[in-house]
């Protein structure tokens, strides 16, 4: 849980609020959370720590009818200081 807490702390409060971040789920090497103002949406941001001490960030959308996860955007080698700006850009395009 410490990796997930660290990631969560590195994302600015402004970005969390503007993208509607909620429903956090911790994993061994990362964190995922739902985004969007509509409670019915199924969009998630996945952030995973790499061995290079950077993050892989993925913005995905879940299609309940087809039971599939579609990657909307993906970025690798993201550093902590870039995390907030990247998540904001991903979720506001």
PDB file of N, CA and C in Angstrom:
ATOM      1  N   UNK A   1       0.813  -1.200   0.000  1.00  0.00           N
ATOM      2  CA  UNK A   1       0.000   0.000   0.000  1.00  0.00           C
ATOM      3  C   UNK A   1       0.851   1.257   0.000  1.00  0.00           C
ATOM      4  N   UNK A   2       2.106   1.173   0.399  1.00  0.00           N
ATOM      5  CA  UNK A   2       2.947   2.363   0.477  1.00  0.00           C
ATOM      6  C   UNK A   2       3.240   2.948  -0.908  1.00  0.00           C
ATOM      7  N   UNK A   3       3.391   2.091  -1.927  1.00  0.00           N
ATOM      8  CA  UNK A   3       3.608   2.590  -3.292  1.00  0.00           C
ATOM      9  C   UNK A   3       2.371   3.357  -3.741  1.00  0.00           C
ATOM     10  N   UNK A   4       1.201   2.805  -3.500  1.00  0.00           N
ATOM     11  CA  UNK A   4      -0.045   3.464  -3.889  1.00  0.00           C
ATOM     12  C   UNK A   4      -0.211   4.794  -3.157  1.00  0.00           C
ATOM     13  N   UNK A   5       0.105   4.833  -1.881  1.00  0.00           N
ATOM     14  CA  UNK A   5       0.002   6.083  -1.117  1.00  0.00           C
ATOM     15  C   UNK A   5       0.970   7.130  -1.636  1.00  0.00           C
ATOM     16  N   UNK A   6       2.172   6.706  -1.978  1.00  0.00           N
ATOM     17  CA  UNK A   6       3.160   7.635  -2.522  1.00  0.00           C
ATOM     18  C   UNK A   6       2.679   8.221  -3.838  1.00  0.00           C
ATOM     19  N   UNK A   7       2.159   7.379  -4.714  1.00  0.00           N
ATOM     20  CA  UNK A   7       1.634   7.854  -5.998  1.00  0.00           C
ATOM     21  C   UNK A   7       0.501   8.839  -5.756  1.00  0.00           C
ATOM     22  N   UNK A   8      -0.443   8.493  -4.889  1.00  0.00           N
ATOM     23  CA  UNK A   8      -1.584   9.351  -4.602  1.00  0.00           C
ATOM     24  C   UNK A   8      -1.126  10.714  -4.084  1.00  0.00           C
ATOM     25  N   UNK A   9      -0.116  10.723  -3.220  1.00  0.00           N
ATOM     26  CA  UNK A   9       0.409  11.972  -2.661  1.00  0.00           C
ATOM     27  C   UNK A   9       1.118  12.818  -3.718  1.00  0.00           C
ATOM     28  N   UNK A  10       1.647  12.197  -4.751  1.00  0.00           N
ATOM     29  CA  UNK A  10       2.373  12.927  -5.790  1.00  0.00           C
ATOM     30  C   UNK A  10       1.450  13.579  -6.816  1.00  0.00           C
ATOM     31  N   UNK A  11       0.183  13.229  -6.811  1.00  0.00           N
ATOM     32  CA  UNK A  11      -0.799  13.842  -7.701  1.00  0.00           C
ATOM     33  C   UNK A  11      -1.415  15.020  -6.959  1.00  0.00           C
ATOM     34  N   UNK A  12      -1.403  16.189  -7.576  1.00  0.00           N
ATOM     35  CA  UNK A  12      -1.888  17.385  -6.890  1.00  0.00           C
ATOM     36  C   UNK A  12      -3.393  17.288  -6.610  1.00  0.00           C
ATOM     37  N   UNK A  13      -3.816  17.958  -5.556  1.00  0.00           N
ATOM     38  CA  UNK A  13      -5.216  17.980  -5.162  1.00  0.00           C
ATOM     39  C   UNK A  13      -6.056  18.599  -6.275  1.00  0.00           C
ATOM     40  N   UNK A  14      -5.539  19.629  -6.933  1.00  0.00           N
ATOM     41  CA  UNK A  14      -6.270  20.277  -8.028  1.00  0.00           C
ATOM     42  C   UNK A  14      -6.584  19.292  -9.147  1.00  0.00           C
ATOM     43  N   UNK A  15      -5.615  18.466  -9.499  1.00  0.00           N
ATOM     44  CA  UNK A  15      -5.821  17.485 -10.565  1.00  0.00           C
ATOM     45  C   UNK A  15      -6.801  16.413 -10.113  1.00  0.00           C
ATOM     46  N   UNK A  16      -6.668  15.951  -8.897  1.00  0.00           N
ATOM     47  CA  UNK A  16      -7.602  14.943  -8.371  1.00  0.00           C
ATOM     48  C   UNK A  16      -9.037  15.457  -8.439  1.00  0.00           C
ATOM     49  N   UNK A  17      -9.237  16.697  -8.047  1.00  0.00           N
ATOM     50  CA  UNK A  17     -10.582  17.271  -8.046  1.00  0.00           C
ATOM     51  C   UNK A  17     -11.083  17.523  -9.463  1.00  0.00           C
ATOM     52  N   UNK A  18     -10.223  18.033 -10.329  1.00  0.00           N
ATOM     53  CA  UNK A  18     -10.661  18.385 -11.682  1.00  0.00           C
ATOM     54  C   UNK A  18     -10.992  17.163 -12.533  1.00  0.00           C
ATOM     55  N   UNK A  19     -10.354  16.041 -12.252  1.00  0.00           N
ATOM     56  CA  UNK A  19     -10.661  14.839 -13.044  1.00  0.00           C
ATOM     57  C   UNK A  19     -11.638  13.912 -12.326  1.00  0.00           C
ATOM     58  N   UNK A  20     -12.073  14.279 -11.126  1.00  0.00           N
ATOM     59  CA  UNK A  20     -13.049  13.478 -10.395  1.00  0.00           C
ATOM     60  C   UNK A  20     -12.498  12.152  -9.912  1.00  0.00           C
ATOM     61  N   UNK A  21     -11.270  12.146  -9.426  1.00  0.00           N
ATOM     62  CA  UNK A  21     -10.613  10.910  -8.982  1.00  0.00           C
ATOM     63  C   UNK A  21     -11.320  10.317  -7.765  1.00  0.00           C
ATOM     64  N   UNK A  22     -11.572   8.998  -7.818  1.00  0.00           N
ATOM     65  CA  UNK A  22     -12.242   8.299  -6.720  1.00  0.00           C
ATOM     66  C   UNK A  22     -12.049   6.793  -6.869  1.00  0.00           C
ATOM     67  N   UNK A  23     -12.529   6.047  -5.935  1.00  0.00           N
ATOM     68  CA  UNK A  23     -12.493   4.579  -5.966  1.00  0.00           C
ATOM     69  C   UNK A  23     -11.080   4.042  -6.175  1.00  0.00           C
ATOM     70  N   UNK A  24     -10.180   4.417  -5.283  1.00  0.00           N
ATOM     71  CA  UNK A  24      -8.783   3.998  -5.374  1.00  0.00           C
ATOM     72  C   UNK A  24      -8.631   2.507  -5.116  1.00  0.00           C
ATOM     73  N   UNK A  25      -7.765   1.880  -5.907  1.00  0.00           N
ATOM     74  CA  UNK A  25      -7.436   0.476  -5.734  1.00  0.00           C
ATOM     75  C   UNK A  25      -5.917   0.360  -5.776  1.00  0.00           C
ATOM     76  N   UNK A  26      -5.337  -0.137  -4.698  1.00  0.00           N
ATOM     77  CA  UNK A  26      -3.888  -0.292  -4.619  1.00  0.00           C
ATOM     78  C   UNK A  26      -3.474  -1.654  -5.143  1.00  0.00           C
ATOM     79  N   UNK A  27      -2.296  -1.693  -5.774  1.00  0.00           N
ATOM     80  CA  UNK A  27      -1.689  -2.953  -6.175  1.00  0.00           C
ATOM     81  C   UNK A  27      -0.269  -2.968  -5.618  1.00  0.00           C
ATOM     82  N   UNK A  28       0.427  -4.044  -5.855  1.00  0.00           N
ATOM     83  CA  UNK A  28       1.789  -4.165  -5.326  1.00  0.00           C
ATOM     84  C   UNK A  28       2.712  -3.073  -5.856  1.00  0.00           C
ATOM     85  N   UNK A  29       2.577  -2.741  -7.136  1.00  0.00           N
ATOM     86  CA  UNK A  29       3.469  -1.755  -7.754  1.00  0.00           C
ATOM     87  C   UNK A  29       2.748  -0.523  -8.257  1.00  0.00           C
ATOM     88  N   UNK A  30       1.542  -0.261  -7.776  1.00  0.00           N
ATOM     89  CA  UNK A  30       0.868   0.896  -8.319  1.00  0.00           C
ATOM     90  C   UNK A  30      -0.485   1.192  -7.725  1.00  0.00           C
ATOM     91  N   UNK A  31      -1.234   1.957  -8.512  1.00  0.00           N
ATOM     92  CA  UNK A  31      -2.512   2.471  -8.083  1.00  0.00           C
ATOM     93  C   UNK A  31      -3.408   2.643  -9.294  1.00  0.00           C
ATOM     94  N   UNK A  32      -4.690   2.377  -9.128  1.00  0.00           N
ATOM     95  CA  UNK A  32      -5.651   2.724 -10.166  1.00  0.00           C
ATOM     96  C   UNK A  32      -6.815   3.424  -9.503  1.00  0.00           C
ATOM     97  N   UNK A  33      -7.428   4.353 -10.250  1.00  0.00           N
ATOM     98  CA  UNK A  33      -8.566   5.078  -9.730  1.00  0.00           C
ATOM     99  C   UNK A  33      -9.481   5.500 -10.866  1.00  0.00           C
ATOM    100  N   UNK A  34     -10.781   5.598 -10.541  1.00  0.00           N
ATOM    101  CA  UNK A  34     -11.774   6.031 -11.519  1.00  0.00           C
ATOM    102  C   UNK A  34     -11.708   7.529 -11.669  1.00  0.00           C
ATOM    103  N   UNK A  35     -12.057   7.990 -12.873  1.00  0.00           N
ATOM    104  CA  UNK A  35     -12.092   9.424 -13.141  1.00  0.00           C
ATOM    105  C   UNK A  35     -13.370   9.771 -13.891  1.00  0.00           C
ATOM    106  N   UNK A  36     -13.722  11.032 -13.882  1.00  0.00           N
ATOM    107  CA  UNK A  36     -14.891  11.517 -14.594  1.00  0.00           C
ATOM    108  C   UNK A  36     -15.982  11.928 -13.637  1.00  0.00           C
ATOM    109  N   UNK A  37     -16.754  12.932 -14.038  1.00  0.00           N
ATOM    110  CA  UNK A  37     -17.809  13.467 -13.183  1.00  0.00           C
ATOM    111  C   UNK A  37     -19.041  12.579 -13.154  1.00  0.00           C
ATOM    112  N   UNK A  38     -19.246  11.813 -14.206  1.00  0.00           N
ATOM    113  CA  UNK A  38     -20.425  10.959 -14.312  1.00  0.00           C
ATOM    114  C   UNK A  38     -20.191   9.657 -13.563  1.00  0.00           C
ATOM    115  N   UNK A  39     -21.011   9.361 -12.599  1.00  0.00           N
ATOM    116  CA  UNK A  39     -20.854   8.125 -11.817  1.00  0.00           C
ATOM    117  C   UNK A  39     -21.053   6.876 -12.666  1.00  0.00           C
ATOM    118  N   UNK A  40     -21.703   7.012 -13.818  1.00  0.00           N
ATOM    119  CA  UNK A  40     -21.948   5.856 -14.674  1.00  0.00           C
ATOM    120  C   UNK A  40     -20.795   5.505 -15.586  1.00  0.00           C
ATOM    121  N   UNK A  41     -19.787   6.378 -15.653  1.00  0.00           N
ATOM    122  CA  UNK A  41     -18.686   6.089 -16.575  1.00  0.00           C
ATOM    123  C   UNK A  41     -17.755   5.019 -16.028  1.00  0.00           C
ATOM    124  N   UNK A  42     -16.969   4.476 -16.885  1.00  0.00           N
ATOM    125  CA  UNK A  42     -16.045   3.413 -16.501  1.00  0.00           C
ATOM    126  C   UNK A  42     -14.640   3.748 -16.992  1.00  0.00           C
ATOM    127  N   UNK A  43     -14.179   4.950 -16.687  1.00  0.00           N
ATOM    128  CA  UNK A  43     -12.836   5.369 -17.088  1.00  0.00           C
ATOM    129  C   UNK A  43     -11.912   5.315 -15.878  1.00  0.00           C
ATOM    130  N   UNK A  44     -10.712   4.799 -16.118  1.00  0.00           N
ATOM    131  CA  UNK A  44      -9.739   4.608 -15.044  1.00  0.00           C
ATOM    132  C   UNK A  44      -8.378   5.151 -15.454  1.00  0.00           C
ATOM    133  N   UNK A  45      -7.598   5.566 -14.468  1.00  0.00           N
ATOM    134  CA  UNK A  45      -6.182   5.894 -14.648  1.00  0.00           C
ATOM    135  C   UNK A  45      -5.400   4.851 -13.868  1.00  0.00           C
ATOM    136  N   UNK A  46      -4.439   4.218 -14.552  1.00  0.00           N
ATOM    137  CA  UNK A  46      -3.583   3.208 -13.934  1.00  0.00           C
ATOM    138  C   UNK A  46      -2.169   3.759 -13.874  1.00  0.00           C
ATOM    139  N   UNK A  47      -1.563   3.762 -12.710  1.00  0.00           N
ATOM    140  CA  UNK A  47      -0.200   4.260 -12.532  1.00  0.00           C
ATOM    141  C   UNK A  47       0.613   3.139 -11.891  1.00  0.00           C
ATOM    142  N   UNK A  48       1.688   2.719 -12.574  1.00  0.00           N
ATOM    143  CA  UNK A  48       2.526   1.629 -12.060  1.00  0.00           C
ATOM    144  C   UNK A  48       3.979   2.060 -11.991  1.00  0.00           C
ATOM    145  N   UNK A  49       4.604   1.758 -10.883  1.00  0.00           N
ATOM    146  CA  UNK A  49       6.016   2.044 -10.677  1.00  0.00           C
ATOM    147  C   UNK A  49       6.855   1.049 -11.463  1.00  0.00           C
ATOM    148  N   UNK A  50       7.870   1.552 -12.174  1.00  0.00           N
ATOM    149  CA  UNK A  50       8.756   0.680 -12.944  1.00  0.00           C
ATOM    150  C   UNK A  50      10.061   0.467 -12.189  1.00  0.00           C
ATOM    151  N   UNK A  51      10.883  -0.426 -12.695  1.00  0.00           N
ATOM    152  CA  UNK A  51      12.180  -0.689 -12.081  1.00  0.00           C
ATOM    153  C   UNK A  51      13.140   0.486 -12.253  1.00  0.00           C
ATOM    154  N   UNK A  52      12.847   1.381 -13.183  1.00  0.00           N
ATOM    155  CA  UNK A  52      13.681   2.560 -13.425  1.00  0.00           C
ATOM    156  C   UNK A  52      13.300   3.728 -12.518  1.00  0.00           C
ATOM    157  N   UNK A  53      12.410   3.487 -11.554  1.00  0.00           N
ATOM    158  CA  UNK A  53      11.927   4.506 -10.619  1.00  0.00           C
ATOM    159  C   UNK A  53      11.133   5.606 -11.333  1.00  0.00           C
ATOM    160  N   UNK A  54      10.465   5.226 -12.392  1.00  0.00           N
ATOM    161  CA  UNK A  54       9.545   6.121 -13.091  1.00  0.00           C
ATOM    162  C   UNK A  54       8.192   5.416 -13.133  1.00  0.00           C
ATOM    163  N   UNK A  55       7.232   6.036 -13.764  1.00  0.00           N
ATOM    164  CA  UNK A  55       5.890   5.455 -13.815  1.00  0.00           C
ATOM    165  C   UNK A  55       5.444   5.170 -15.240  1.00  0.00           C
ATOM    166  N   UNK A  56       4.644   4.147 -15.387  1.00  0.00           N
ATOM    167  CA  UNK A  56       3.880   3.899 -16.603  1.00  0.00           C
ATOM    168  C   UNK A  56       2.454   4.305 -16.262  1.00  0.00           C
ATOM    169  N   UNK A  57       1.886   5.187 -17.088  1.00  0.00           N
ATOM    170  CA  UNK A  57       0.547   5.713 -16.831  1.00  0.00           C
ATOM    171  C   UNK A  57      -0.348   5.339 -18.006  1.00  0.00           C
ATOM    172  N   UNK A  58      -1.528   4.821 -17.685  1.00  0.00           N
ATOM    173  CA  UNK A  58      -2.456   4.399 -18.722  1.00  0.00           C
ATOM    174  C   UNK A  58      -3.853   4.927 -18.388  1.00  0.00           C
ATOM    175  N   UNK A  59      -4.513   5.482 -19.397  1.00  0.00           N
ATOM    176  CA  UNK A  59      -5.891   5.963 -19.277  1.00  0.00           C
ATOM    177  C   UNK A  59      -6.748   4.992 -20.062  1.00  0.00           C
ATOM    178  N   UNK A  60      -7.661   4.304 -19.368  1.00  0.00           N
ATOM    179  CA  UNK A  60      -8.437   3.237 -19.999  1.00  0.00           C
ATOM    180  C   UNK A  60      -9.933   3.456 -19.813  1.00  0.00           C
ATOM    181  N   UNK A  61     -10.702   2.832 -20.697  1.00  0.00           N
ATOM    182  CA  UNK A  61     -12.153   2.890 -20.627  1.00  0.00           C
ATOM    183  C   UNK A  61     -12.679   1.461 -20.674  1.00  0.00           C
ATOM    184  N   UNK A  62     -13.573   1.140 -19.761  1.00  0.00           N
ATOM    185  CA  UNK A  62     -14.149  -0.196 -19.684  1.00  0.00           C
ATOM    186  C   UNK A  62     -15.489  -0.214 -20.399  1.00  0.00           C
ATOM    187  N   UNK A  63     -15.656  -1.146 -21.326  1.00  0.00           N
ATOM    188  CA  UNK A  63     -16.911  -1.327 -22.042  1.00  0.00           C
ATOM    189  C   UNK A  63     -17.627  -2.525 -21.419  1.00  0.00           C
ATOM    190  N   UNK A  64     -18.684  -2.256 -20.665  1.00  0.00           N
ATOM    191  CA  UNK A  64     -19.392  -3.321 -19.943  1.00  0.00           C
ATOM    192  C   UNK A  64     -20.123  -4.268 -20.890  1.00  0.00           C
ATOM    193  N   UNK A  65     -20.579  -3.763 -22.010  1.00  0.00           N
ATOM    194  CA  UNK A  65     -21.289  -4.628 -22.962  1.00  0.00           C
ATOM    195  C   UNK A  65     -20.368  -5.665 -23.583  1.00  0.00           C
ATOM    196  N   UNK A  66     -19.176  -5.239 -23.950  1.00  0.00           N
ATOM    197  CA  UNK A  66     -18.228  -6.140 -24.601  1.00  0.00           C
ATOM    198  C   UNK A  66     -17.269  -6.791 -23.599  1.00  0.00           C
ATOM    199  N   UNK A  67     -17.361  -6.363 -22.348  1.00  0.00           N
ATOM    200  CA  UNK A  67     -16.458  -6.858 -21.297  1.00  0.00           C
ATOM    201  C   UNK A  67     -15.003  -6.726 -21.705  1.00  0.00           C
ATOM    202  N   UNK A  68     -14.640  -5.517 -22.178  1.00  0.00           N
ATOM    203  CA  UNK A  68     -13.259  -5.291 -22.592  1.00  0.00           C
ATOM    204  C   UNK A  68     -12.764  -3.935 -22.108  1.00  0.00           C
ATOM    205  N   UNK A  69     -11.461  -3.868 -21.949  1.00  0.00           N
ATOM    206  CA  UNK A  69     -10.784  -2.663 -21.518  1.00  0.00           C
ATOM    207  C   UNK A  69     -10.065  -2.063 -22.724  1.00  0.00           C
ATOM    208  N   UNK A  70     -10.356  -0.804 -23.026  1.00  0.00           N
ATOM    209  CA  UNK A  70      -9.752  -0.131 -24.174  1.00  0.00           C
ATOM    210  C   UNK A  70      -8.792   0.939 -23.668  1.00  0.00           C
ATOM    211  N   UNK A  71      -7.545   0.896 -24.140  1.00  0.00           N
ATOM    212  CA  UNK A  71      -6.574   1.912 -23.772  1.00  0.00           C
ATOM    213  C   UNK A  71      -6.825   3.161 -24.599  1.00  0.00           C
ATOM    214  N   UNK A  72      -7.097   4.268 -23.912  1.00  0.00           N
ATOM    215  CA  UNK A  72      -7.318   5.547 -24.580  1.00  0.00           C
ATOM    216  C   UNK A  72      -5.976   6.222 -24.835  1.00  0.00           C
ATOM    217  N   UNK A  73      -5.107   6.187 -23.836  1.00  0.00           N
ATOM    218  CA  UNK A  73      -3.776   6.792 -23.953  1.00  0.00           C
ATOM    219  C   UNK A  73      -2.834   6.109 -22.975  1.00  0.00           C
ATOM    220  N   UNK A  74      -1.561   6.046 -23.356  1.00  0.00           N
ATOM    221  CA  UNK A  74      -0.560   5.381 -22.521  1.00  0.00           C
ATOM    222  C   UNK A  74       0.766   6.121 -22.637  1.00  0.00           C
ATOM    223  N   UNK A  75       1.444   6.323 -21.507  1.00  0.00           N
ATOM    224  CA  UNK A  75       2.755   6.964 -21.483  1.00  0.00           C
ATOM    225  C   UNK A  75       3.685   6.188 -20.560  1.00  0.00           C
ATOM    226  N   UNK A  76       4.940   6.070 -20.982  1.00  0.00           N
ATOM    227  CA  UNK A  76       5.952   5.374 -20.185  1.00  0.00           C
ATOM    228  C   UNK A  76       7.027   6.351 -19.737  1.00  0.00           C
ATOM    229  N   UNK A  77       7.792   5.945 -18.748  1.00  0.00           N
ATOM    230  CA  UNK A  77       8.903   6.744 -18.212  1.00  0.00           C
ATOM    231  C   UNK A  77       8.465   8.130 -17.762  1.00  0.00           C
ATOM    232  N   UNK A  78       7.393   8.183 -16.984  1.00  0.00           N
ATOM    233  CA  UNK A  78       6.880   9.432 -16.438  1.00  0.00           C
ATOM    234  C   UNK A  78       7.469   9.598 -15.039  1.00  0.00           C
ATOM    235  N   UNK A  79       8.008  10.765 -14.760  1.00  0.00           N
ATOM    236  CA  UNK A  79       8.590  11.021 -13.445  1.00  0.00           C
ATOM    237  C   UNK A  79       7.577  11.724 -12.547  1.00  0.00           C
ATOM    238  N   UNK A  80       7.806  11.668 -11.260  1.00  0.00           N
ATOM    239  CA  UNK A  80       6.850  12.173 -10.267  1.00  0.00           C
ATOM    240  C   UNK A  80       6.447  13.619 -10.542  1.00  0.00           C
ATOM    241  N   UNK A  81       7.391  14.454 -10.915  1.00  0.00           N
ATOM    242  CA  UNK A  81       7.080  15.863 -11.142  1.00  0.00           C
ATOM    243  C   UNK A  81       6.218  16.086 -12.391  1.00  0.00           C
ATOM    244  N   UNK A  82       6.108  15.088 -13.261  1.00  0.00           N
ATOM    245  CA  UNK A  82       5.309  15.180 -14.482  1.00  0.00           C
ATOM    246  C   UNK A  82       3.930  14.527 -14.333  1.00  0.00           C
ATOM    247  N   UNK A  83       3.731  13.819 -13.249  1.00  0.00           N
ATOM    248  CA  UNK A  83       2.552  12.984 -13.078  1.00  0.00           C
ATOM    249  C   UNK A  83       1.242  13.774 -13.102  1.00  0.00           C
ATOM    250  N   UNK A  84       1.148  14.824 -12.340  1.00  0.00           N
ATOM    251  CA  UNK A  84      -0.088  15.604 -12.274  1.00  0.00           C
ATOM    252  C   UNK A  84      -0.467  16.195 -13.623  1.00  0.00           C
ATOM    253  N   UNK A  85       0.488  16.823 -14.286  1.00  0.00           N
ATOM    254  CA  UNK A  85       0.211  17.450 -15.587  1.00  0.00           C
ATOM    255  C   UNK A  85      -0.222  16.415 -16.612  1.00  0.00           C
ATOM    256  N   UNK A  86       0.406  15.262 -16.604  1.00  0.00           N
ATOM    257  CA  UNK A  86       0.053  14.210 -17.560  1.00  0.00           C
ATOM    258  C   UNK A  86      -1.362  13.685 -17.316  1.00  0.00           C
ATOM    259  N   UNK A  87      -1.694  13.417 -16.068  1.00  0.00           N
ATOM    260  CA  UNK A  87      -3.028  12.913 -15.745  1.00  0.00           C
ATOM    261  C   UNK A  87      -4.084  13.957 -16.115  1.00  0.00           C
ATOM    262  N   UNK A  88      -3.814  15.207 -15.849  1.00  0.00           N
ATOM    263  CA  UNK A  88      -4.747  16.271 -16.215  1.00  0.00           C
ATOM    264  C   UNK A  88      -4.965  16.275 -17.735  1.00  0.00           C
ATOM    265  N   UNK A  89      -3.885  16.236 -18.489  1.00  0.00           N
ATOM    266  CA  UNK A  89      -3.975  16.260 -19.957  1.00  0.00           C
ATOM    267  C   UNK A  89      -4.732  15.033 -20.484  1.00  0.00           C
ATOM    268  N   UNK A  90      -4.434  13.868 -19.944  1.00  0.00           N
ATOM    269  CA  UNK A  90      -5.098  12.640 -20.377  1.00  0.00           C
ATOM    270  C   UNK A  90      -6.608  12.693 -20.145  1.00  0.00           C
ATOM    271  N   UNK A  91      -7.011  13.188 -19.010  1.00  0.00           N
ATOM    272  CA  UNK A  91      -8.416  13.145 -18.633  1.00  0.00           C
ATOM    273  C   UNK A  91      -9.225  14.333 -19.143  1.00  0.00           C
ATOM    274  N   UNK A  92      -8.585  15.312 -19.720  1.00  0.00           N
ATOM    275  CA  UNK A  92      -9.289  16.500 -20.207  1.00  0.00           C
ATOM    276  C   UNK A  92      -9.204  16.666 -21.720  1.00  0.00           C
ATOM    277  N   UNK A  93      -8.863  15.643 -22.444  1.00  0.00           N
ATOM    278  CA  UNK A  93      -8.833  15.715 -23.915  1.00  0.00           C
ATOM    279  C   UNK A  93     -10.032  15.043 -24.496  1.00  0.00           C
TER     280      UNK A  93
END
